[in-house]
Amino acid sequence: MGKKLDNQDGLTLLEVLLSIVILTIVLTSFAGFFSQSALFVKKNEEKLSTSQTAQQLVNLIELNISKSALSSISTCSSLPCELNKDKLEILVGQTIPSTYAISAKFEKNVESLILVKISVADISNPDSSSKTYTYIRR
């Protein structure tokens, strides 16, 4: 009729504390992994942003700049020449919506092509910069 409760299987306080310590060590190692991942992602986003800005400039230059337009600028009457963001905006005919330091260097190349080197750099983060190259044919 009545059950005896002599069998008291359970966990001791030492076993509970030991399992909490082991769980804390495992979770701490995972937290370190995720914080490093977040830093890596942020760094890559900044680098990607400068690369995208450089590619947008390549598209603007390829669409809007010809050899004759380039030679009409007094600082680029002879190649090689280098233009900063302000002069590049004048040459392209539109504003460049970017907070980065931008420069474009124009050099003569073979077969009457003009090599354009575009540099985009984040002033606040020197590790985040990008260089892109294109050619002007027309």
C-alpha atoms as a PDB file:
ATOM      1  CA  MET A   1       0.000   0.000   0.000  1.00  0.00           C
ATOM      2  CA  GLY A   2       2.483   2.660   0.982  1.00  0.00           C
ATOM      3  CA  LYS A   3       5.678   3.086  -0.997  1.00  0.00           C
ATOM      4  CA  LYS A   4       8.903   3.533   0.769  1.00  0.00           C
ATOM      5  CA  LEU A   5      11.005   6.427  -0.494  1.00  0.00           C
ATOM      6  CA  ASP A   6      14.389   4.967   0.365  1.00  0.00           C
ATOM      7  CA  ASN A   7      15.704   5.316  -3.209  1.00  0.00           C
ATOM      8  CA  GLN A   8      16.800   8.940  -3.379  1.00  0.00           C
ATOM      9  CA  ASP A   9      18.783   9.029  -6.640  1.00  0.00           C
ATOM     10  CA  GLY A  10      19.681  12.561  -7.686  1.00  0.00           C
ATOM     11  CA  LEU A  11      22.531  14.974  -8.283  1.00  0.00           C
ATOM     12  CA  THR A  12      24.810  16.267  -5.605  1.00  0.00           C
ATOM     13  CA  LEU A  13      25.630  19.938  -5.320  1.00  0.00           C
ATOM     14  CA  LEU A  14      29.171  19.246  -6.534  1.00  0.00           C
ATOM     15  CA  GLU A  15      27.897  17.605  -9.725  1.00  0.00           C
ATOM     16  CA  VAL A  16      25.563  20.543 -10.453  1.00  0.00           C
ATOM     17  CA  LEU A  17      28.362  23.086  -9.932  1.00  0.00           C
ATOM     18  CA  LEU A  18      30.758  21.097 -12.100  1.00  0.00           C
ATOM     19  CA  SER A  19      28.240  20.918 -14.950  1.00  0.00           C
ATOM     20  CA  ILE A  20      27.636  24.701 -14.699  1.00  0.00           C
ATOM     21  CA  VAL A  21      31.399  25.366 -14.889  1.00  0.00           C
ATOM     22  CA  ILE A  22      31.796  23.127 -17.946  1.00  0.00           C
ATOM     23  CA  LEU A  23      28.804  24.763 -19.652  1.00  0.00           C
ATOM     24  CA  THR A  24      30.254  28.230 -18.928  1.00  0.00           C
ATOM     25  CA  ILE A  25      33.611  27.275 -20.478  1.00  0.00           C
ATOM     26  CA  VAL A  26      31.917  25.967 -23.627  1.00  0.00           C
ATOM     27  CA  LEU A  27      29.667  29.021 -24.002  1.00  0.00           C
ATOM     28  CA  THR A  28      32.596  31.404 -23.441  1.00  0.00           C
ATOM     29  CA  SER A  29      34.552  29.795 -26.260  1.00  0.00           C
ATOM     30  CA  PHE A  30      31.547  30.171 -28.579  1.00  0.00           C
ATOM     31  CA  ALA A  31      31.124  33.821 -27.586  1.00  0.00           C
ATOM     32  CA  GLY A  32      34.762  34.502 -28.540  1.00  0.00           C
ATOM     33  CA  PHE A  33      34.188  32.893 -31.920  1.00  0.00           C
ATOM     34  CA  PHE A  34      31.122  35.041 -32.620  1.00  0.00           C
ATOM     35  CA  SER A  35      32.819  38.288 -31.587  1.00  0.00           C
ATOM     36  CA  GLN A  36      35.732  37.543 -33.946  1.00  0.00           C
ATOM     37  CA  SER A  37      33.235  36.774 -36.709  1.00  0.00           C
ATOM     38  CA  ALA A  38      31.494  40.104 -36.159  1.00  0.00           C
ATOM     39  CA  LEU A  39      34.805  41.994 -36.436  1.00  0.00           C
ATOM     40  CA  PHE A  40      35.688  40.105 -39.623  1.00  0.00           C
ATOM     41  CA  VAL A  41      32.301  40.905 -41.181  1.00  0.00           C
ATOM     42  CA  LYS A  42      32.610  44.612 -40.317  1.00  0.00           C
ATOM     43  CA  LYS A  43      36.087  44.819 -41.845  1.00  0.00           C
ATOM     44  CA  ASN A  44      34.911  43.113 -45.035  1.00  0.00           C
ATOM     45  CA  GLU A  45      31.878  45.408 -45.310  1.00  0.00           C
ATOM     46  CA  GLU A  46      34.161  48.458 -45.226  1.00  0.00           C
ATOM     47  CA  LYS A  47      36.429  46.954 -47.882  1.00  0.00           C
ATOM     48  CA  LEU A  48      33.440  46.036 -50.039  1.00  0.00           C
ATOM     49  CA  SER A  49      32.083  49.562 -49.758  1.00  0.00           C
ATOM     50  CA  THR A  50      35.288  51.075 -51.170  1.00  0.00           C
ATOM     51  CA  SER A  51      35.319  48.465 -53.947  1.00  0.00           C
ATOM     52  CA  GLN A  52      31.739  49.291 -54.910  1.00  0.00           C
ATOM     53  CA  THR A  53      32.531  53.014 -54.978  1.00  0.00           C
ATOM     54  CA  ALA A  54      35.521  52.331 -57.244  1.00  0.00           C
ATOM     55  CA  GLN A  55      33.353  50.252 -59.579  1.00  0.00           C
ATOM     56  CA  GLN A  56      30.727  53.005 -59.747  1.00  0.00           C
ATOM     57  CA  LEU A  57      33.460  55.449 -60.737  1.00  0.00           C
ATOM     58  CA  VAL A  58      34.654  53.065 -63.446  1.00  0.00           C
ATOM     59  CA  ASN A  59      31.116  52.970 -64.848  1.00  0.00           C
ATOM     60  CA  LEU A  60      30.840  56.784 -64.767  1.00  0.00           C
ATOM     61  CA  ILE A  61      34.193  57.196 -66.498  1.00  0.00           C
ATOM     62  CA  GLU A  62      33.431  54.617 -69.173  1.00  0.00           C
ATOM     63  CA  LEU A  63      30.085  56.261 -69.952  1.00  0.00           C
ATOM     64  CA  ASN A  64      30.973  59.940 -69.743  1.00  0.00           C
ATOM     65  CA  ILE A  65      34.640  60.493 -70.519  1.00  0.00           C
ATOM     66  CA  SER A  66      36.224  60.483 -73.921  1.00  0.00           C
ATOM     67  CA  LYS A  67      39.803  61.299 -74.925  1.00  0.00           C
ATOM     68  CA  SER A  68      38.747  64.687 -76.208  1.00  0.00           C
ATOM     69  CA  ALA A  69      36.935  65.541 -72.966  1.00  0.00           C
ATOM     70  CA  LEU A  70      40.020  64.518 -71.037  1.00  0.00           C
ATOM     71  CA  SER A  71      42.318  66.693 -73.107  1.00  0.00           C
ATOM     72  CA  SER A  72      40.002  69.684 -72.620  1.00  0.00           C
ATOM     73  CA  ILE A  73      40.957  69.867 -68.923  1.00  0.00           C
ATOM     74  CA  SER A  74      43.996  72.069 -68.450  1.00  0.00           C
ATOM     75  CA  THR A  75      45.618  69.757 -65.899  1.00  0.00           C
ATOM     76  CA  CYS A  76      45.218  66.793 -68.254  1.00  0.00           C
ATOM     77  CA  SER A  77      46.337  68.366 -71.496  1.00  0.00           C
ATOM     78  CA  SER A  78      49.179  65.854 -71.575  1.00  0.00           C
ATOM     79  CA  LEU A  79      49.261  62.386 -70.078  1.00  0.00           C
ATOM     80  CA  PRO A  80      49.896  61.152 -67.431  1.00  0.00           C
ATOM     81  CA  CYS A  81      47.709  63.256 -65.198  1.00  0.00           C
ATOM     82  CA  GLU A  82      45.922  62.751 -61.892  1.00  0.00           C
ATOM     83  CA  LEU A  83      42.545  64.155 -60.868  1.00  0.00           C
ATOM     84  CA  ASN A  84      41.052  64.402 -57.404  1.00  0.00           C
ATOM     85  CA  LYS A  85      37.360  63.982 -56.600  1.00  0.00           C
ATOM     86  CA  ASP A  86      36.395  67.609 -57.377  1.00  0.00           C
ATOM     87  CA  LYS A  87      38.027  67.666 -60.817  1.00  0.00           C
ATOM     88  CA  LEU A  88      36.671  64.216 -61.590  1.00  0.00           C
ATOM     89  CA  GLU A  89      33.136  65.433 -60.808  1.00  0.00           C
ATOM     90  CA  ILE A  90      33.611  68.290 -63.282  1.00  0.00           C
ATOM     91  CA  LEU A  91      34.894  65.896 -65.931  1.00  0.00           C
ATOM     92  CA  VAL A  92      32.084  63.379 -65.422  1.00  0.00           C
ATOM     93  CA  GLY A  93      29.438  66.093 -65.183  1.00  0.00           C
ATOM     94  CA  GLN A  94      27.782  64.891 -61.998  1.00  0.00           C
ATOM     95  CA  THR A  95      28.469  64.788 -58.290  1.00  0.00           C
ATOM     96  CA  ILE A  96      30.001  61.686 -56.782  1.00  0.00           C
ATOM     97  CA  PRO A  97      28.100  60.846 -53.584  1.00  0.00           C
ATOM     98  CA  SER A  98      30.943  59.521 -51.469  1.00  0.00           C
ATOM     99  CA  THR A  99      32.848  60.497 -48.350  1.00  0.00           C
ATOM    100  CA  TYR A 100      35.978  58.621 -49.455  1.00  0.00           C
ATOM    101  CA  ALA A 101      39.192  60.134 -50.791  1.00  0.00           C
ATOM    102  CA  ILE A 102      39.021  59.533 -54.542  1.00  0.00           C
ATOM    103  CA  SER A 103      41.635  59.999 -57.230  1.00  0.00           C
ATOM    104  CA  ALA A 104      41.901  58.935 -60.849  1.00  0.00           C
ATOM    105  CA  LYS A 105      45.160  58.724 -62.764  1.00  0.00           C
ATOM    106  CA  PHE A 106      45.126  58.729 -66.558  1.00  0.00           C
ATOM    107  CA  GLU A 107      48.100  57.271 -68.469  1.00  0.00           C
ATOM    108  CA  LYS A 108      48.819  56.535 -72.114  1.00  0.00           C
ATOM    109  CA  ASN A 109      48.895  52.914 -73.091  1.00  0.00           C
ATOM    110  CA  VAL A 110      49.428  50.873 -76.229  1.00  0.00           C
ATOM    111  CA  GLU A 111      47.058  51.012 -79.206  1.00  0.00           C
ATOM    112  CA  SER A 112      45.828  54.503 -78.377  1.00  0.00           C
ATOM    113  CA  LEU A 113      44.101  53.381 -75.185  1.00  0.00           C
ATOM    114  CA  ILE A 114      44.178  55.441 -72.012  1.00  0.00           C
ATOM    115  CA  LEU A 115      44.715  53.505 -68.798  1.00  0.00           C
ATOM    116  CA  VAL A 116      42.681  54.826 -65.851  1.00  0.00           C
ATOM    117  CA  LYS A 117      43.706  53.913 -62.311  1.00  0.00           C
ATOM    118  CA  ILE A 118      41.030  54.715 -59.737  1.00  0.00           C
ATOM    119  CA  SER A 119      41.922  54.830 -56.042  1.00  0.00           C
ATOM    120  CA  VAL A 120      39.293  54.981 -53.315  1.00  0.00           C
ATOM    121  CA  ALA A 121      40.403  55.226 -49.681  1.00  0.00           C
ATOM    122  CA  ASP A 122      38.570  55.612 -46.404  1.00  0.00           C
ATOM    123  CA  ILE A 123      40.295  58.449 -44.549  1.00  0.00           C
ATOM    124  CA  SER A 124      39.240  57.162 -41.126  1.00  0.00           C
ATOM    125  CA  ASN A 125      40.402  53.593 -41.851  1.00  0.00           C
ATOM    126  CA  PRO A 126      43.575  53.289 -43.960  1.00  0.00           C
ATOM    127  CA  ASP A 127      43.167  49.504 -44.260  1.00  0.00           C
ATOM    128  CA  SER A 128      39.966  50.016 -46.202  1.00  0.00           C
ATOM    129  CA  SER A 129      41.020  51.117 -49.659  1.00  0.00           C
ATOM    130  CA  SER A 130      40.525  49.906 -53.192  1.00  0.00           C
ATOM    131  CA  LYS A 131      42.186  50.347 -56.583  1.00  0.00           C
ATOM    132  CA  THR A 132      40.511  49.597 -59.878  1.00  0.00           C
ATOM    133  CA  TYR A 133      41.722  49.863 -63.474  1.00  0.00           C
ATOM    134  CA  THR A 134      39.920  50.496 -66.733  1.00  0.00           C
ATOM    135  CA  TYR A 135      40.670  51.729 -70.260  1.00  0.00           C
ATOM    136  CA  ILE A 136      39.239  54.589 -72.305  1.00  0.00           C
ATOM    137  CA  ARG A 137      39.043  53.738 -75.980  1.00  0.00           C
ATOM    138  CA  ARG A 138      36.860  56.401 -77.563  1.00  0.00           C
END
